[in-house]
mmCIF file of all heavy atoms, coordinates in Angstrom:
data_MODEL
# 
_entry.id   MODEL 
# 
loop_
_atom_site.group_PDB 
_atom_site.id 
_atom_site.type_symbol 
_atom_site.label_atom_id 
_atom_site.label_alt_id 
_atom_site.label_comp_id 
_atom_site.label_asym_id 
_atom_site.label_entity_id 
_atom_site.label_seq_id 
_atom_site.pdbx_PDB_ins_code 
_atom_site.Cartn_x 
_atom_site.Cartn_y 
_atom_site.Cartn_z 
_atom_site.occupancy 
_atom_site.B_iso_or_equiv 
_atom_site.pdbx_formal_charge 
_atom_site.auth_seq_id 
_atom_site.auth_comp_id 
_atom_site.auth_asym_id 
_atom_site.auth_atom_id 
_atom_site.pdbx_PDB_model_num 
ATOM 1   N N   . SER A 1 1  ? 28.219 177.928 71.239 1.00 0.00 ? 1  SER A N   1 
ATOM 2   C CA  . SER A 1 1  ? 28.288 179.025 72.205 1.00 0.00 ? 1  SER A CA  1 
ATOM 3   C C   . SER A 1 1  ? 26.952 179.727 72.409 1.00 0.00 ? 1  SER A C   1 
ATOM 4   O O   . SER A 1 1  ? 26.773 180.448 73.392 1.00 0.00 ? 1  SER A O   1 
ATOM 5   C CB  . SER A 1 1  ? 29.331 180.049 71.766 1.00 0.00 ? 1  SER A CB  1 
ATOM 6   O OG  . SER A 1 1  ? 29.009 180.569 70.494 1.00 0.00 ? 1  SER A OG  1 
ATOM 7   N N   . VAL A 1 2  ? 26.004 179.527 71.496 1.00 0.00 ? 2  VAL A N   1 
ATOM 8   C CA  . VAL A 1 2  ? 24.709 180.205 71.625 1.00 0.00 ? 2  VAL A CA  1 
ATOM 9   C C   . VAL A 1 2  ? 23.558 179.230 71.801 1.00 0.00 ? 2  VAL A C   1 
ATOM 10  O O   . VAL A 1 2  ? 22.393 179.648 71.939 1.00 0.00 ? 2  VAL A O   1 
ATOM 11  C CB  . VAL A 1 2  ? 24.427 181.110 70.406 1.00 0.00 ? 2  VAL A CB  1 
ATOM 12  C CG1 . VAL A 1 2  ? 25.586 182.066 70.161 1.00 0.00 ? 2  VAL A CG1 1 
ATOM 13  C CG2 . VAL A 1 2  ? 24.113 180.311 69.154 1.00 0.00 ? 2  VAL A CG2 1 
ATOM 14  N N   . LEU A 1 3  ? 23.857 177.958 71.793 1.00 0.00 ? 3  LEU A N   1 
ATOM 15  C CA  . LEU A 1 3  ? 22.816 176.934 71.932 1.00 0.00 ? 3  LEU A CA  1 
ATOM 16  C C   . LEU A 1 3  ? 22.017 177.160 73.207 1.00 0.00 ? 3  LEU A C   1 
ATOM 17  O O   . LEU A 1 3  ? 22.584 177.439 74.264 1.00 0.00 ? 3  LEU A O   1 
ATOM 18  C CB  . LEU A 1 3  ? 23.475 175.558 71.945 1.00 0.00 ? 3  LEU A CB  1 
ATOM 19  C CG  . LEU A 1 3  ? 22.608 174.346 71.655 1.00 0.00 ? 3  LEU A CG  1 
ATOM 20  C CD1 . LEU A 1 3  ? 21.973 174.454 70.284 1.00 0.00 ? 3  LEU A CD1 1 
ATOM 21  C CD2 . LEU A 1 3  ? 23.434 173.070 71.760 1.00 0.00 ? 3  LEU A CD2 1 
ATOM 22  N N   . ASP A 1 4  ? 20.704 177.041 73.083 1.00 0.00 ? 4  ASP A N   1 
ATOM 23  C CA  . ASP A 1 4  ? 19.758 177.223 74.191 1.00 0.00 ? 4  ASP A CA  1 
ATOM 24  C C   . ASP A 1 4  ? 19.592 178.676 74.613 1.00 0.00 ? 4  ASP A C   1 
ATOM 25  O O   . ASP A 1 4  ? 18.838 178.962 75.554 1.00 0.00 ? 4  ASP A O   1 
ATOM 26  C CB  . ASP A 1 4  ? 20.160 176.384 75.413 1.00 0.00 ? 4  ASP A CB  1 
ATOM 27  C CG  . ASP A 1 4  ? 20.127 174.894 75.136 1.00 0.00 ? 4  ASP A CG  1 
ATOM 28  O OD1 . ASP A 1 4  ? 19.266 174.476 74.338 1.00 0.00 ? 4  ASP A OD1 1 
ATOM 29  O OD2 . ASP A 1 4  ? 20.953 174.173 75.706 1.00 0.00 ? 4  ASP A OD2 1 
ATOM 30  N N   . ARG A 1 5  ? 20.271 179.600 73.947 1.00 0.00 ? 5  ARG A N   1 
ATOM 31  C CA  . ARG A 1 5  ? 20.106 181.027 74.250 1.00 0.00 ? 5  ARG A CA  1 
ATOM 32  C C   . ARG A 1 5  ? 19.529 181.798 73.073 1.00 0.00 ? 5  ARG A C   1 
ATOM 33  O O   . ARG A 1 5  ? 18.787 182.751 73.261 1.00 0.00 ? 5  ARG A O   1 
ATOM 34  C CB  . ARG A 1 5  ? 21.443 181.649 74.664 1.00 0.00 ? 5  ARG A CB  1 
ATOM 35  C CG  . ARG A 1 5  ? 22.059 181.042 75.899 1.00 0.00 ? 5  ARG A CG  1 
ATOM 36  C CD  . ARG A 1 5  ? 23.264 181.861 76.374 1.00 0.00 ? 5  ARG A CD  1 
ATOM 37  N NE  . ARG A 1 5  ? 24.339 181.903 75.395 1.00 0.00 ? 5  ARG A NE  1 
ATOM 38  C CZ  . ARG A 1 5  ? 24.831 183.030 74.876 1.00 0.00 ? 5  ARG A CZ  1 
ATOM 39  N NH1 . ARG A 1 5  ? 24.336 184.208 75.234 1.00 0.00 ? 5  ARG A NH1 1 
ATOM 40  N NH2 . ARG A 1 5  ? 25.824 182.982 74.004 1.00 0.00 ? 5  ARG A NH2 1 
ATOM 41  N N   . PHE A 1 6  ? 19.907 181.401 71.870 1.00 0.00 ? 6  PHE A N   1 
ATOM 42  C CA  . PHE A 1 6  ? 19.475 182.106 70.664 1.00 0.00 ? 6  PHE A CA  1 
ATOM 43  C C   . PHE A 1 6  ? 18.490 181.239 69.884 1.00 0.00 ? 6  PHE A C   1 
ATOM 44  O O   . PHE A 1 6  ? 18.592 180.001 69.894 1.00 0.00 ? 6  PHE A O   1 
ATOM 45  C CB  . PHE A 1 6  ? 20.663 182.404 69.765 1.00 0.00 ? 6  PHE A CB  1 
ATOM 46  C CG  . PHE A 1 6  ? 21.623 183.443 70.276 1.00 0.00 ? 6  PHE A CG  1 
ATOM 47  C CD1 . PHE A 1 6  ? 21.570 183.931 71.571 1.00 0.00 ? 6  PHE A CD1 1 
ATOM 48  C CD2 . PHE A 1 6  ? 22.602 183.951 69.424 1.00 0.00 ? 6  PHE A CD2 1 
ATOM 49  C CE1 . PHE A 1 6  ? 22.448 184.890 72.029 1.00 0.00 ? 6  PHE A CE1 1 
ATOM 50  C CE2 . PHE A 1 6  ? 23.498 184.919 69.853 1.00 0.00 ? 6  PHE A CE2 1 
ATOM 51  C CZ  . PHE A 1 6  ? 23.435 185.373 71.161 1.00 0.00 ? 6  PHE A CZ  1 
ATOM 52  N N   . THR A 1 7  ? 17.569 181.907 69.175 1.00 0.00 ? 7  THR A N   1 
ATOM 53  C CA  . THR A 1 7  ? 16.609 181.204 68.334 1.00 0.00 ? 7  THR A CA  1 
ATOM 54  C C   . THR A 1 7  ? 16.488 181.919 66.999 1.00 0.00 ? 7  THR A C   1 
ATOM 55  O O   . THR A 1 7  ? 16.194 183.116 66.962 1.00 0.00 ? 7  THR A O   1 
ATOM 56  C CB  . THR A 1 7  ? 15.225 181.139 68.995 1.00 0.00 ? 7  THR A CB  1 
ATOM 57  O OG1 . THR A 1 7  ? 15.330 180.507 70.278 1.00 0.00 ? 7  THR A OG1 1 
ATOM 58  C CG2 . THR A 1 7  ? 14.251 180.347 68.125 1.00 0.00 ? 7  THR A CG2 1 
ATOM 59  N N   . ILE A 1 8  ? 16.699 181.179 65.934 1.00 0.00 ? 8  ILE A N   1 
ATOM 60  C CA  . ILE A 1 8  ? 16.562 181.735 64.589 1.00 0.00 ? 8  ILE A CA  1 
ATOM 61  C C   . ILE A 1 8  ? 15.206 181.333 64.016 1.00 0.00 ? 8  ILE A C   1 
ATOM 62  O O   . ILE A 1 8  ? 14.695 180.238 64.288 1.00 0.00 ? 8  ILE A O   1 
ATOM 63  C CB  . ILE A 1 8  ? 17.699 181.259 63.660 1.00 0.00 ? 8  ILE A CB  1 
ATOM 64  C CG1 . ILE A 1 8  ? 17.650 182.000 62.327 1.00 0.00 ? 8  ILE A CG1 1 
ATOM 65  C CG2 . ILE A 1 8  ? 17.674 179.744 63.472 1.00 0.00 ? 8  ILE A CG2 1 
ATOM 66  C CD1 . ILE A 1 8  ? 18.854 181.739 61.427 1.00 0.00 ? 8  ILE A CD1 1 
ATOM 67  N N   . SER A 1 9  ? 14.633 182.240 63.228 1.00 0.00 ? 9  SER A N   1 
ATOM 68  C CA  . SER A 1 9  ? 13.381 181.929 62.553 1.00 0.00 ? 9  SER A CA  1 
ATOM 69  C C   . SER A 1 9  ? 13.333 182.692 61.235 1.00 0.00 ? 9  SER A C   1 
ATOM 70  O O   . SER A 1 9  ? 14.043 183.673 61.056 1.00 0.00 ? 9  SER A O   1 
ATOM 71  C CB  . SER A 1 9  ? 12.169 182.274 63.428 1.00 0.00 ? 9  SER A CB  1 
ATOM 72  O OG  . SER A 1 9  ? 12.157 183.648 63.746 1.00 0.00 ? 9  SER A OG  1 
ATOM 73  N N   . ARG A 1 10 ? 12.493 182.203 60.328 1.00 0.00 ? 10 ARG A N   1 
ATOM 74  C CA  . ARG A 1 10 ? 12.317 182.867 59.048 1.00 0.00 ? 10 ARG A CA  1 
ATOM 75  C C   . ARG A 1 10 ? 10.836 182.942 58.723 1.00 0.00 ? 10 ARG A C   1 
ATOM 76  O O   . ARG A 1 10 ? 10.086 182.014 59.028 1.00 0.00 ? 10 ARG A O   1 
ATOM 77  C CB  . ARG A 1 10 ? 13.085 182.141 57.933 1.00 0.00 ? 10 ARG A CB  1 
ATOM 78  C CG  . ARG A 1 10 ? 12.641 180.723 57.666 1.00 0.00 ? 10 ARG A CG  1 
ATOM 79  C CD  . ARG A 1 10 ? 13.588 179.986 56.703 1.00 0.00 ? 10 ARG A CD  1 
ATOM 80  N NE  . ARG A 1 10 ? 13.471 180.455 55.341 1.00 0.00 ? 10 ARG A NE  1 
ATOM 81  C CZ  . ARG A 1 10 ? 14.262 180.019 54.335 1.00 0.00 ? 10 ARG A CZ  1 
ATOM 82  N NH1 . ARG A 1 10 ? 15.217 179.139 54.595 1.00 0.00 ? 10 ARG A NH1 1 
ATOM 83  N NH2 . ARG A 1 10 ? 14.104 180.472 53.108 1.00 0.00 ? 10 ARG A NH2 1 
ATOM 84  N N   . ASP A 1 11 ? 10.449 184.045 58.128 1.00 0.00 ? 11 ASP A N   1 
ATOM 85  C CA  . ASP A 1 11 ? 9.076  184.239 57.694 1.00 0.00 ? 11 ASP A CA  1 
ATOM 86  C C   . ASP A 1 11 ? 9.132  184.524 56.197 1.00 0.00 ? 11 ASP A C   1 
ATOM 87  O O   . ASP A 1 11 ? 9.353  185.662 55.781 1.00 0.00 ? 11 ASP A O   1 
ATOM 88  C CB  . ASP A 1 11 ? 8.428  185.389 58.475 1.00 0.00 ? 11 ASP A CB  1 
ATOM 89  C CG  . ASP A 1 11 ? 6.951  185.557 58.176 1.00 0.00 ? 11 ASP A CG  1 
ATOM 90  O OD1 . ASP A 1 11 ? 6.514  185.145 57.083 1.00 0.00 ? 11 ASP A OD1 1 
ATOM 91  O OD2 . ASP A 1 11 ? 6.243  186.102 59.022 1.00 0.00 ? 11 ASP A OD2 1 
ATOM 92  N N   . ASN A 1 12 ? 8.959  183.471 55.420 1.00 0.00 ? 12 ASN A N   1 
ATOM 93  C CA  . ASN A 1 12 ? 9.107  183.629 53.969 1.00 0.00 ? 12 ASN A CA  1 
ATOM 94  C C   . ASN A 1 12 ? 8.082  184.614 53.399 1.00 0.00 ? 12 ASN A C   1 
ATOM 95  O O   . ASN A 1 12 ? 8.395  185.390 52.495 1.00 0.00 ? 12 ASN A O   1 
ATOM 96  C CB  . ASN A 1 12 ? 8.956  182.277 53.285 1.00 0.00 ? 12 ASN A CB  1 
ATOM 97  C CG  . ASN A 1 12 ? 10.119 181.347 53.578 1.00 0.00 ? 12 ASN A CG  1 
ATOM 98  O OD1 . ASN A 1 12 ? 11.212 181.803 53.909 1.00 0.00 ? 12 ASN A OD1 1 
ATOM 99  N ND2 . ASN A 1 12 ? 9.883  180.055 53.466 1.00 0.00 ? 12 ASN A ND2 1 
ATOM 100 N N   . ALA A 1 13 ? 6.876  184.572 53.915 1.00 0.00 ? 13 ALA A N   1 
ATOM 101 C CA  . ALA A 1 13 ? 5.818  185.440 53.380 1.00 0.00 ? 13 ALA A CA  1 
ATOM 102 C C   . ALA A 1 13 ? 6.147  186.915 53.595 1.00 0.00 ? 13 ALA A C   1 
ATOM 103 O O   . ALA A 1 13 ? 5.857  187.755 52.728 1.00 0.00 ? 13 ALA A O   1 
ATOM 104 C CB  . ALA A 1 13 ? 4.489  185.092 54.026 1.00 0.00 ? 13 ALA A CB  1 
ATOM 105 N N   . ARG A 1 14 ? 6.745  187.229 54.738 1.00 0.00 ? 14 ARG A N   1 
ATOM 106 C CA  . ARG A 1 14 ? 7.104  188.624 55.043 1.00 0.00 ? 14 ARG A CA  1 
ATOM 107 C C   . ARG A 1 14 ? 8.525  188.963 54.623 1.00 0.00 ? 14 ARG A C   1 
ATOM 108 O O   . ARG A 1 14 ? 8.959  190.096 54.793 1.00 0.00 ? 14 ARG A O   1 
ATOM 109 C CB  . ARG A 1 14 ? 6.919  188.886 56.532 1.00 0.00 ? 14 ARG A CB  1 
ATOM 110 C CG  . ARG A 1 14 ? 5.475  188.924 56.981 1.00 0.00 ? 14 ARG A CG  1 
ATOM 111 C CD  . ARG A 1 14 ? 5.364  189.271 58.463 1.00 0.00 ? 14 ARG A CD  1 
ATOM 112 N NE  . ARG A 1 14 ? 3.990  189.548 58.850 1.00 0.00 ? 14 ARG A NE  1 
ATOM 113 C CZ  . ARG A 1 14 ? 3.101  188.635 59.137 1.00 0.00 ? 14 ARG A CZ  1 
ATOM 114 N NH1 . ARG A 1 14 ? 3.422  187.346 59.078 1.00 0.00 ? 14 ARG A NH1 1 
ATOM 115 N NH2 . ARG A 1 14 ? 1.879  188.965 59.484 1.00 0.00 ? 14 ARG A NH2 1 
ATOM 116 N N   . ARG A 1 15 ? 9.253  187.960 54.106 1.00 0.00 ? 15 ARG A N   1 
ATOM 117 C CA  . ARG A 1 15 ? 10.635 188.168 53.652 1.00 0.00 ? 15 ARG A CA  1 
ATOM 118 C C   . ARG A 1 15 ? 11.528 188.631 54.801 1.00 0.00 ? 15 ARG A C   1 
ATOM 119 O O   . ARG A 1 15 ? 12.327 189.552 54.654 1.00 0.00 ? 15 ARG A O   1 
ATOM 120 C CB  . ARG A 1 15 ? 10.692 189.165 52.482 1.00 0.00 ? 15 ARG A CB  1 
ATOM 121 C CG  . ARG A 1 15 ? 9.858  188.729 51.289 1.00 0.00 ? 15 ARG A CG  1 
ATOM 122 C CD  . ARG A 1 15 ? 9.890  189.746 50.169 1.00 0.00 ? 15 ARG A CD  1 
ATOM 123 N NE  . ARG A 1 15 ? 9.313  191.019 50.549 1.00 0.00 ? 15 ARG A NE  1 
ATOM 124 C CZ  . ARG A 1 15 ? 9.192  192.051 49.715 1.00 0.00 ? 15 ARG A CZ  1 
ATOM 125 N NH1 . ARG A 1 15 ? 9.610  191.945 48.478 1.00 0.00 ? 15 ARG A NH1 1 
ATOM 126 N NH2 . ARG A 1 15 ? 8.670  193.168 50.123 1.00 0.00 ? 15 ARG A NH2 1 
ATOM 127 N N   . MET A 1 16 ? 11.357 187.987 55.948 1.00 0.00 ? 16 MET A N   1 
ATOM 128 C CA  . MET A 1 16 ? 12.075 188.383 57.147 1.00 0.00 ? 16 MET A CA  1 
ATOM 129 C C   . MET A 1 16 ? 12.807 187.192 57.759 1.00 0.00 ? 16 MET A C   1 
ATOM 130 O O   . MET A 1 16 ? 12.345 186.042 57.674 1.00 0.00 ? 16 MET A O   1 
ATOM 131 C CB  . MET A 1 16 ? 11.104 188.936 58.190 1.00 0.00 ? 16 MET A CB  1 
ATOM 132 C CG  . MET A 1 16 ? 10.381 190.202 57.789 1.00 0.00 ? 16 MET A CG  1 
ATOM 133 S SD  . MET A 1 16 ? 11.476 191.645 57.690 1.00 0.00 ? 16 MET A SD  1 
ATOM 134 C CE  . MET A 1 16 ? 11.957 191.820 59.407 1.00 0.00 ? 16 MET A CE  1 
ATOM 135 N N   . VAL A 1 17 ? 13.931 187.505 58.377 1.00 0.00 ? 17 VAL A N   1 
ATOM 136 C CA  . VAL A 1 17 ? 14.678 186.527 59.160 1.00 0.00 ? 17 VAL A CA  1 
ATOM 137 C C   . VAL A 1 17 ? 14.934 187.158 60.526 1.00 0.00 ? 17 VAL A C   1 
ATOM 138 O O   . VAL A 1 17 ? 15.250 188.339 60.607 1.00 0.00 ? 17 VAL A O   1 
ATOM 139 C CB  . VAL A 1 17 ? 16.018 186.157 58.503 1.00 0.00 ? 17 VAL A CB  1 
ATOM 140 C CG1 . VAL A 1 17 ? 16.719 185.066 59.295 1.00 0.00 ? 17 VAL A CG1 1 
ATOM 141 C CG2 . VAL A 1 17 ? 15.806 185.731 57.053 1.00 0.00 ? 17 VAL A CG2 1 
ATOM 142 N N   . TYR A 1 18 ? 14.790 186.362 61.573 1.00 0.00 ? 18 TYR A N   1 
ATOM 143 C CA  . TYR A 1 18 ? 14.925 186.892 62.930 1.00 0.00 ? 18 TYR A CA  1 
ATOM 144 C C   . TYR A 1 18 ? 15.955 186.097 63.725 1.00 0.00 ? 18 TYR A C   1 
ATOM 145 O O   . TYR A 1 18 ? 16.188 184.919 63.469 1.00 0.00 ? 18 TYR A O   1 
ATOM 146 C CB  . TYR A 1 18 ? 13.581 186.822 63.668 1.00 0.00 ? 18 TYR A CB  1 
ATOM 147 C CG  . TYR A 1 18 ? 12.454 187.536 62.970 1.00 0.00 ? 18 TYR A CG  1 
ATOM 148 C CD1 . TYR A 1 18 ? 11.516 186.827 62.223 1.00 0.00 ? 18 TYR A CD1 1 
ATOM 149 C CD2 . TYR A 1 18 ? 12.319 188.915 63.059 1.00 0.00 ? 18 TYR A CD2 1 
ATOM 150 C CE1 . TYR A 1 18 ? 10.470 187.473 61.587 1.00 0.00 ? 18 TYR A CE1 1 
ATOM 151 C CE2 . TYR A 1 18 ? 11.278 189.570 62.420 1.00 0.00 ? 18 TYR A CE2 1 
ATOM 152 C CZ  . TYR A 1 18 ? 10.362 188.841 61.682 1.00 0.00 ? 18 TYR A CZ  1 
ATOM 153 O OH  . TYR A 1 18 ? 9.330  189.493 61.043 1.00 0.00 ? 18 TYR A OH  1 
ATOM 154 N N   . LEU A 1 19 ? 16.522 186.776 64.711 1.00 0.00 ? 19 LEU A N   1 
ATOM 155 C CA  . LEU A 1 19 ? 17.379 186.099 65.671 1.00 0.00 ? 19 LEU A CA  1 
ATOM 156 C C   . LEU A 1 19 ? 17.017 186.627 67.055 1.00 0.00 ? 19 LEU A C   1 
ATOM 157 O O   . LEU A 1 19 ? 17.302 187.784 67.365 1.00 0.00 ? 19 LEU A O   1 
ATOM 158 C CB  . LEU A 1 19 ? 18.861 186.344 65.378 1.00 0.00 ? 19 LEU A CB  1 
ATOM 159 C CG  . LEU A 1 19 ? 19.826 185.576 66.283 1.00 0.00 ? 19 LEU A CG  1 
ATOM 160 C CD1 . LEU A 1 19 ? 19.741 184.083 66.001 1.00 0.00 ? 19 LEU A CD1 1 
ATOM 161 C CD2 . LEU A 1 19 ? 21.262 186.067 66.097 1.00 0.00 ? 19 LEU A CD2 1 
ATOM 162 N N   . GLN A 1 20 ? 16.382 185.785 67.849 1.00 0.00 ? 20 GLN A N   1 
ATOM 163 C CA  . GLN A 1 20 ? 16.067 186.127 69.226 1.00 0.00 ? 20 GLN A CA  1 
ATOM 164 C C   . GLN A 1 20 ? 17.255 185.727 70.086 1.00 0.00 ? 20 GLN A C   1 
ATOM 165 O O   . GLN A 1 20 ? 17.658 184.557 70.079 1.00 0.00 ? 20 GLN A O   1 
ATOM 166 C CB  . GLN A 1 20 ? 14.806 185.398 69.687 1.00 0.00 ? 20 GLN A CB  1 
ATOM 167 C CG  . GLN A 1 20 ? 14.435 185.654 71.133 1.00 0.00 ? 20 GLN A CG  1 
ATOM 168 C CD  . GLN A 1 20 ? 14.041 187.088 71.396 1.00 0.00 ? 20 GLN A CD  1 
ATOM 169 O OE1 . GLN A 1 20 ? 13.316 187.702 70.617 1.00 0.00 ? 20 GLN A OE1 1 
ATOM 170 N NE2 . GLN A 1 20 ? 14.531 187.650 72.498 1.00 0.00 ? 20 GLN A NE2 1 
ATOM 171 N N   . MET A 1 21 ? 17.794 186.689 70.809 1.00 0.00 ? 21 MET A N   1 
ATOM 172 C CA  . MET A 1 21 ? 18.983 186.454 71.626 1.00 0.00 ? 21 MET A CA  1 
ATOM 173 C C   . MET A 1 21 ? 18.645 186.714 73.081 1.00 0.00 ? 21 MET A C   1 
ATOM 174 O O   . MET A 1 21 ? 18.290 187.840 73.447 1.00 0.00 ? 21 MET A O   1 
ATOM 175 C CB  . MET A 1 21 ? 20.130 187.367 71.170 1.00 0.00 ? 21 MET A CB  1 
ATOM 176 C CG  . MET A 1 21 ? 20.444 187.258 69.685 1.00 0.00 ? 21 MET A CG  1 
ATOM 177 S SD  . MET A 1 21 ? 21.911 188.187 69.203 1.00 0.00 ? 21 MET A SD  1 
ATOM 178 C CE  . MET A 1 21 ? 21.364 189.855 69.533 1.00 0.00 ? 21 MET A CE  1 
ATOM 179 N N   . ASN A 1 22 ? 18.745 185.689 73.894 1.00 0.00 ? 22 ASN A N   1 
ATOM 180 C CA  . ASN A 1 22 ? 18.476 185.792 75.323 1.00 0.00 ? 22 ASN A CA  1 
ATOM 181 C C   . ASN A 1 22 ? 19.736 185.490 76.134 1.00 0.00 ? 22 ASN A C   1 
ATOM 182 O O   . ASN A 1 22 ? 20.694 184.928 75.604 1.00 0.00 ? 22 ASN A O   1 
ATOM 183 C CB  . ASN A 1 22 ? 17.371 184.802 75.713 1.00 0.00 ? 22 ASN A CB  1 
ATOM 184 C CG  . ASN A 1 22 ? 16.061 185.061 75.013 1.00 0.00 ? 22 ASN A CG  1 
ATOM 185 O OD1 . ASN A 1 22 ? 15.708 186.215 74.716 1.00 0.00 ? 22 ASN A OD1 1 
ATOM 186 N ND2 . ASN A 1 22 ? 15.314 184.003 74.730 1.00 0.00 ? 22 ASN A ND2 1 
ATOM 187 N N   . SER A 1 23 ? 19.700 185.863 77.377 1.00 0.00 ? 23 SER A N   1 
ATOM 188 C CA  . SER A 1 23 ? 20.828 185.601 78.294 1.00 0.00 ? 23 SER A CA  1 
ATOM 189 C C   . SER A 1 23 ? 22.149 186.031 77.668 1.00 0.00 ? 23 SER A C   1 
ATOM 190 O O   . SER A 1 23 ? 23.133 185.280 77.658 1.00 0.00 ? 23 SER A O   1 
ATOM 191 C CB  . SER A 1 23 ? 20.875 184.108 78.650 1.00 0.00 ? 23 SER A CB  1 
ATOM 192 O OG  . SER A 1 23 ? 19.674 183.694 79.234 1.00 0.00 ? 23 SER A OG  1 
ATOM 193 N N   . LEU A 1 24 ? 22.164 187.242 77.164 1.00 0.00 ? 24 LEU A N   1 
ATOM 194 C CA  . LEU A 1 24 ? 23.348 187.730 76.446 1.00 0.00 ? 24 LEU A CA  1 
ATOM 195 C C   . LEU A 1 24 ? 24.546 187.860 77.368 1.00 0.00 ? 24 LEU A C   1 
ATOM 196 O O   . LEU A 1 24 ? 24.419 188.201 78.553 1.00 0.00 ? 24 LEU A O   1 
ATOM 197 C CB  . LEU A 1 24 ? 23.034 189.056 75.767 1.00 0.00 ? 24 LEU A CB  1 
ATOM 198 C CG  . LEU A 1 24 ? 22.205 188.912 74.492 1.00 0.00 ? 24 LEU A CG  1 
ATOM 199 C CD1 . LEU A 1 24 ? 21.537 190.236 74.122 1.00 0.00 ? 24 LEU A CD1 1 
ATOM 200 C CD2 . LEU A 1 24 ? 23.078 188.426 73.348 1.00 0.00 ? 24 LEU A CD2 1 
ATOM 201 N N   . LYS A 1 25 ? 25.708 187.579 76.782 1.00 0.00 ? 25 LYS A N   1 
ATOM 202 C CA  . LYS A 1 25 ? 26.976 187.636 77.498 1.00 0.00 ? 25 LYS A CA  1 
ATOM 203 C C   . LYS A 1 25 ? 27.907 188.639 76.811 1.00 0.00 ? 25 LYS A C   1 
ATOM 204 O O   . LYS A 1 25 ? 27.714 188.964 75.633 1.00 0.00 ? 25 LYS A O   1 
ATOM 205 C CB  . LYS A 1 25 ? 27.638 186.259 77.502 1.00 0.00 ? 25 LYS A CB  1 
ATOM 206 C CG  . LYS A 1 25 ? 26.776 185.134 78.044 1.00 0.00 ? 25 LYS A CG  1 
ATOM 207 C CD  . LYS A 1 25 ? 27.477 183.792 77.892 1.00 0.00 ? 25 LYS A CD  1 
ATOM 208 C CE  . LYS A 1 25 ? 26.610 182.645 78.400 1.00 0.00 ? 25 LYS A CE  1 
ATOM 209 N NZ  . LYS A 1 25 ? 27.293 181.340 78.243 1.00 0.00 ? 25 LYS A NZ  1 
ATOM 210 N N   . SER A 1 26 ? 28.911 189.078 77.530 1.00 0.00 ? 26 SER A N   1 
ATOM 211 C CA  . SER A 1 26 ? 29.849 190.044 76.950 1.00 0.00 ? 26 SER A CA  1 
ATOM 212 C C   . SER A 1 26 ? 30.508 189.475 75.693 1.00 0.00 ? 26 SER A C   1 
ATOM 213 O O   . SER A 1 26 ? 30.796 190.220 74.751 1.00 0.00 ? 26 SER A O   1 
ATOM 214 C CB  . SER A 1 26 ? 30.898 190.440 77.973 1.00 0.00 ? 26 SER A CB  1 
ATOM 215 O OG  . SER A 1 26 ? 31.608 189.301 78.432 1.00 0.00 ? 26 SER A OG  1 
ATOM 216 N N   . GLU A 1 27 ? 30.725 188.172 75.677 1.00 0.00 ? 27 GLU A N   1 
ATOM 217 C CA  . GLU A 1 27 ? 31.369 187.556 74.514 1.00 0.00 ? 27 GLU A CA  1 
ATOM 218 C C   . GLU A 1 27 ? 30.466 187.488 73.290 1.00 0.00 ? 27 GLU A C   1 
ATOM 219 O O   . GLU A 1 27 ? 30.906 187.076 72.211 1.00 0.00 ? 27 GLU A O   1 
ATOM 220 C CB  . GLU A 1 27 ? 31.894 186.162 74.851 1.00 0.00 ? 27 GLU A CB  1 
ATOM 221 C CG  . GLU A 1 27 ? 30.896 185.248 75.519 1.00 0.00 ? 27 GLU A CG  1 
ATOM 222 C CD  . GLU A 1 27 ? 31.052 185.228 77.034 1.00 0.00 ? 27 GLU A CD  1 
ATOM 223 O OE1 . GLU A 1 27 ? 31.223 186.316 77.629 1.00 0.00 ? 27 GLU A OE1 1 
ATOM 224 O OE2 . GLU A 1 27 ? 30.985 184.124 77.605 1.00 0.00 ? 27 GLU A OE2 1 
# 
């Protein structure tokens, strides 16, 4: 349901995890 819209990434050095969410839908 999120393929091609969301992108996950991790930055081990900064101890961070991210989720970029584009083209968001009500669902």
